[in-house]
Amino acid sequence: MPQAIFLLGITFDLWLFVAMFIRAKKKPNGKTAVQIVESHRVGYKVSQKIVRHIGQGQTEREVEELKKLGRSIIKEIKNQRQPNLPLFDPQTILETPSDSKTDETRQINIELGDLREEQVTSQ
């Protein structure tokens, strides 16, 4: 649901949507240009901006390689704009055996009969 802004007696609906995609466009010389395009939508108005021109390919294989390169560049651009927090290193998570119990996951057995109440606080 878009937000509405009331300014000088006029109500404006605001939508903001940004997406990046790869465009393959046929040229008159027979080559296919591959570009990274960023699409902005604010309200009902759409505008597109070419972020980077990847290259031109003549064969399908060349175009697919350029698209693959474009996808990796899009990942880099998105990571630069909003980097991932290094809370956990994905490589160490994959290398950790799942059946071994670390200190955090070891099971502690507590006998309820051994517990005693030390202090009661009244409110």
C-alpha atoms as a PDB file:
ATOM      1  CA  MET A   1       0.000   0.000   0.000  1.00  0.00           C
ATOM      2  CA  PRO A   2       1.562   3.325  -0.998  1.00  0.00           C
ATOM      3  CA  GLN A   3       1.945   6.158   1.469  1.00  0.00           C
ATOM      4  CA  ALA A   4       0.025   9.365   0.815  1.00  0.00           C
ATOM      5  CA  ILE A   5       1.493  12.799   1.371  1.00  0.00           C
ATOM      6  CA  PHE A   6      -0.756  15.847   1.671  1.00  0.00           C
ATOM      7  CA  LEU A   7       0.976  19.003   0.444  1.00  0.00           C
ATOM      8  CA  LEU A   8      -0.724  22.313  -0.391  1.00  0.00           C
ATOM      9  CA  GLY A   9      -4.118  20.686  -0.725  1.00  0.00           C
ATOM     10  CA  ILE A  10      -2.860  17.966  -3.094  1.00  0.00           C
ATOM     11  CA  THR A  11      -2.448  14.321  -2.129  1.00  0.00           C
ATOM     12  CA  PHE A  12       0.522  12.457  -3.609  1.00  0.00           C
ATOM     13  CA  ASP A  13       0.854   8.670  -3.596  1.00  0.00           C
ATOM     14  CA  LEU A  14       4.447   7.541  -3.142  1.00  0.00           C
ATOM     15  CA  TRP A  15       5.778   4.160  -4.183  1.00  0.00           C
ATOM     16  CA  LEU A  16       9.457   3.520  -4.397  1.00  0.00           C
ATOM     17  CA  PHE A  17      10.758   0.444  -6.165  1.00  0.00           C
ATOM     18  CA  VAL A  18      14.309  -0.132  -7.391  1.00  0.00           C
ATOM     19  CA  ALA A  19      15.453  -3.201  -9.316  1.00  0.00           C
ATOM     20  CA  MET A  20      18.539  -4.127 -11.312  1.00  0.00           C
ATOM     21  CA  PHE A  21      18.436  -6.443 -14.279  1.00  0.00           C
ATOM     22  CA  ILE A  22      20.397  -7.451 -17.358  1.00  0.00           C
ATOM     23  CA  ARG A  23      19.214  -6.239 -20.740  1.00  0.00           C
ATOM     24  CA  ALA A  24      20.269  -7.915 -23.975  1.00  0.00           C
ATOM     25  CA  LYS A  25      19.508  -5.639 -26.917  1.00  0.00           C
ATOM     26  CA  LYS A  26      19.945  -6.501 -30.610  1.00  0.00           C
ATOM     27  CA  LYS A  27      21.955  -3.895 -32.537  1.00  0.00           C
ATOM     28  CA  PRO A  28      21.628  -3.082 -36.267  1.00  0.00           C
ATOM     29  CA  ASN A  29      25.132  -4.492 -36.867  1.00  0.00           C
ATOM     30  CA  GLY A  30      23.902  -7.963 -35.804  1.00  0.00           C
ATOM     31  CA  LYS A  31      25.619  -7.960 -32.405  1.00  0.00           C
ATOM     32  CA  THR A  32      23.773  -8.151 -29.097  1.00  0.00           C
ATOM     33  CA  ALA A  33      24.629  -5.528 -26.469  1.00  0.00           C
ATOM     34  CA  VAL A  34      24.471  -6.614 -22.831  1.00  0.00           C
ATOM     35  CA  GLN A  35      23.810  -3.920 -20.224  1.00  0.00           C
ATOM     36  CA  ILE A  36      23.057  -3.676 -16.516  1.00  0.00           C
ATOM     37  CA  VAL A  37      19.951  -1.523 -16.098  1.00  0.00           C
ATOM     38  CA  GLU A  38      18.515  -0.067 -12.915  1.00  0.00           C
ATOM     39  CA  SER A  39      14.778   0.526 -12.928  1.00  0.00           C
ATOM     40  CA  HIS A  40      13.266   3.110 -10.564  1.00  0.00           C
ATOM     41  CA  ARG A  41       9.559   3.370  -9.894  1.00  0.00           C
ATOM     42  CA  VAL A  42       8.262   6.297  -7.886  1.00  0.00           C
ATOM     43  CA  GLY A  43       4.497   6.281  -7.750  1.00  0.00           C
ATOM     44  CA  TYR A  44       3.332   5.468 -11.238  1.00  0.00           C
ATOM     45  CA  LYS A  45       6.397   6.853 -13.037  1.00  0.00           C
ATOM     46  CA  VAL A  46       9.081   4.415 -14.191  1.00  0.00           C
ATOM     47  CA  SER A  47      12.568   5.456 -15.229  1.00  0.00           C
ATOM     48  CA  GLN A  48      15.488   3.286 -16.268  1.00  0.00           C
ATOM     49  CA  LYS A  49      19.185   4.068 -16.137  1.00  0.00           C
ATOM     50  CA  ILE A  50      22.018   2.079 -17.694  1.00  0.00           C
ATOM     51  CA  VAL A  51      24.402   1.369 -14.828  1.00  0.00           C
ATOM     52  CA  ARG A  52      27.070  -0.401 -16.867  1.00  0.00           C
ATOM     53  CA  HIS A  53      27.602  -1.547 -20.422  1.00  0.00           C
ATOM     54  CA  ILE A  54      29.064  -5.073 -20.227  1.00  0.00           C
ATOM     55  CA  GLY A  55      29.885  -5.646 -23.878  1.00  0.00           C
ATOM     56  CA  GLN A  56      28.652  -6.964 -27.225  1.00  0.00           C
ATOM     57  CA  GLY A  57      28.481 -10.538 -28.378  1.00  0.00           C
ATOM     58  CA  GLN A  58      27.926 -12.069 -31.799  1.00  0.00           C
ATOM     59  CA  THR A  59      27.098 -15.660 -30.821  1.00  0.00           C
ATOM     60  CA  GLU A  60      24.671 -16.965 -28.202  1.00  0.00           C
ATOM     61  CA  ARG A  61      27.597 -18.327 -26.200  1.00  0.00           C
ATOM     62  CA  GLU A  62      29.264 -14.907 -26.055  1.00  0.00           C
ATOM     63  CA  VAL A  63      25.992 -13.286 -24.969  1.00  0.00           C
ATOM     64  CA  GLU A  64      25.481 -15.891 -22.223  1.00  0.00           C
ATOM     65  CA  GLU A  65      29.032 -15.317 -20.941  1.00  0.00           C
ATOM     66  CA  LEU A  66      28.397 -11.574 -20.862  1.00  0.00           C
ATOM     67  CA  LYS A  67      25.132 -12.137 -18.973  1.00  0.00           C
ATOM     68  CA  LYS A  68      26.970 -14.341 -16.463  1.00  0.00           C
ATOM     69  CA  LEU A  69      29.537 -11.576 -15.976  1.00  0.00           C
ATOM     70  CA  GLY A  70      26.697  -9.081 -15.562  1.00  0.00           C
ATOM     71  CA  ARG A  71      25.070 -11.158 -12.810  1.00  0.00           C
ATOM     72  CA  SER A  72      28.337 -11.225 -10.865  1.00  0.00           C
ATOM     73  CA  ILE A  73      28.733  -7.449 -11.284  1.00  0.00           C
ATOM     74  CA  ILE A  74      25.171  -6.918 -10.006  1.00  0.00           C
ATOM     75  CA  LYS A  75      26.044  -8.935  -6.876  1.00  0.00           C
ATOM     76  CA  GLU A  76      29.131  -6.757  -6.322  1.00  0.00           C
ATOM     77  CA  ILE A  77      27.153  -3.538  -6.795  1.00  0.00           C
ATOM     78  CA  LYS A  78      24.440  -4.660  -4.367  1.00  0.00           C
ATOM     79  CA  ASN A  79      27.064  -5.720  -1.833  1.00  0.00           C
ATOM     80  CA  GLN A  80      28.755  -2.301  -2.084  1.00  0.00           C
ATOM     81  CA  ARG A  81      25.453  -0.509  -1.525  1.00  0.00           C
ATOM     82  CA  GLN A  82      24.345  -2.727   1.353  1.00  0.00           C
ATOM     83  CA  PRO A  83      27.172  -4.946   2.574  1.00  0.00           C
ATOM     84  CA  ASN A  84      26.535  -8.217   4.363  1.00  0.00           C
ATOM     85  CA  LEU A  85      27.421  -8.151   8.027  1.00  0.00           C
ATOM     86  CA  PRO A  86      30.224 -10.585   8.851  1.00  0.00           C
ATOM     87  CA  LEU A  87      28.443 -12.175  11.819  1.00  0.00           C
ATOM     88  CA  PHE A  88      29.315 -15.667  10.680  1.00  0.00           C
ATOM     89  CA  ASP A  89      31.795 -16.745   8.074  1.00  0.00           C
ATOM     90  CA  PRO A  90      29.807 -18.958   5.648  1.00  0.00           C
ATOM     91  CA  GLN A  91      32.847 -21.136   4.986  1.00  0.00           C
ATOM     92  CA  THR A  92      33.317 -22.024   8.673  1.00  0.00           C
ATOM     93  CA  ILE A  93      29.618 -22.815   9.025  1.00  0.00           C
ATOM     94  CA  LEU A  94      29.856 -25.240   6.112  1.00  0.00           C
ATOM     95  CA  GLU A  95      33.034 -26.847   7.477  1.00  0.00           C
ATOM     96  CA  THR A  96      31.664 -27.386  11.017  1.00  0.00           C
ATOM     97  CA  PRO A  97      30.451 -30.978  11.431  1.00  0.00           C
ATOM     98  CA  SER A  98      26.802 -31.025  12.434  1.00  0.00           C
ATOM     99  CA  ASP A  99      26.997 -34.106  14.673  1.00  0.00           C
ATOM    100  CA  SER A 100      29.703 -32.769  17.020  1.00  0.00           C
ATOM    101  CA  LYS A 101      28.453 -31.031  20.151  1.00  0.00           C
ATOM    102  CA  THR A 102      30.159 -27.764  21.038  1.00  0.00           C
ATOM    103  CA  ASP A 103      30.099 -26.109  24.470  1.00  0.00           C
ATOM    104  CA  GLU A 104      26.956 -24.140  23.564  1.00  0.00           C
ATOM    105  CA  THR A 105      24.987 -27.186  22.475  1.00  0.00           C
ATOM    106  CA  ARG A 106      26.032 -29.819  25.005  1.00  0.00           C
ATOM    107  CA  GLN A 107      23.241 -31.210  27.103  1.00  0.00           C
ATOM    108  CA  ILE A 108      23.166 -30.503  30.845  1.00  0.00           C
ATOM    109  CA  ASN A 109      21.266 -32.904  33.098  1.00  0.00           C
ATOM    110  CA  ILE A 110      19.706 -31.289  36.175  1.00  0.00           C
ATOM    111  CA  GLU A 111      18.010 -33.229  38.948  1.00  0.00           C
ATOM    112  CA  LEU A 112      14.960 -31.295  40.120  1.00  0.00           C
ATOM    113  CA  GLY A 113      15.246 -32.794  43.604  1.00  0.00           C
ATOM    114  CA  ASP A 114      18.641 -31.118  44.058  1.00  0.00           C
ATOM    115  CA  LEU A 115      17.252 -27.615  43.459  1.00  0.00           C
ATOM    116  CA  ARG A 116      16.394 -25.395  46.403  1.00  0.00           C
ATOM    117  CA  GLU A 117      14.974 -21.897  46.662  1.00  0.00           C
ATOM    118  CA  GLU A 118      17.477 -19.437  48.109  1.00  0.00           C
ATOM    119  CA  GLN A 119      15.452 -16.252  48.394  1.00  0.00           C
ATOM    120  CA  VAL A 120      11.837 -15.202  47.978  1.00  0.00           C
ATOM    121  CA  THR A 121      11.146 -11.617  47.020  1.00  0.00           C
ATOM    122  CA  SER A 122       7.783 -10.097  47.829  1.00  0.00           C
ATOM    123  CA  GLN A 123       6.273  -7.455  45.635  1.00  0.00           C
END
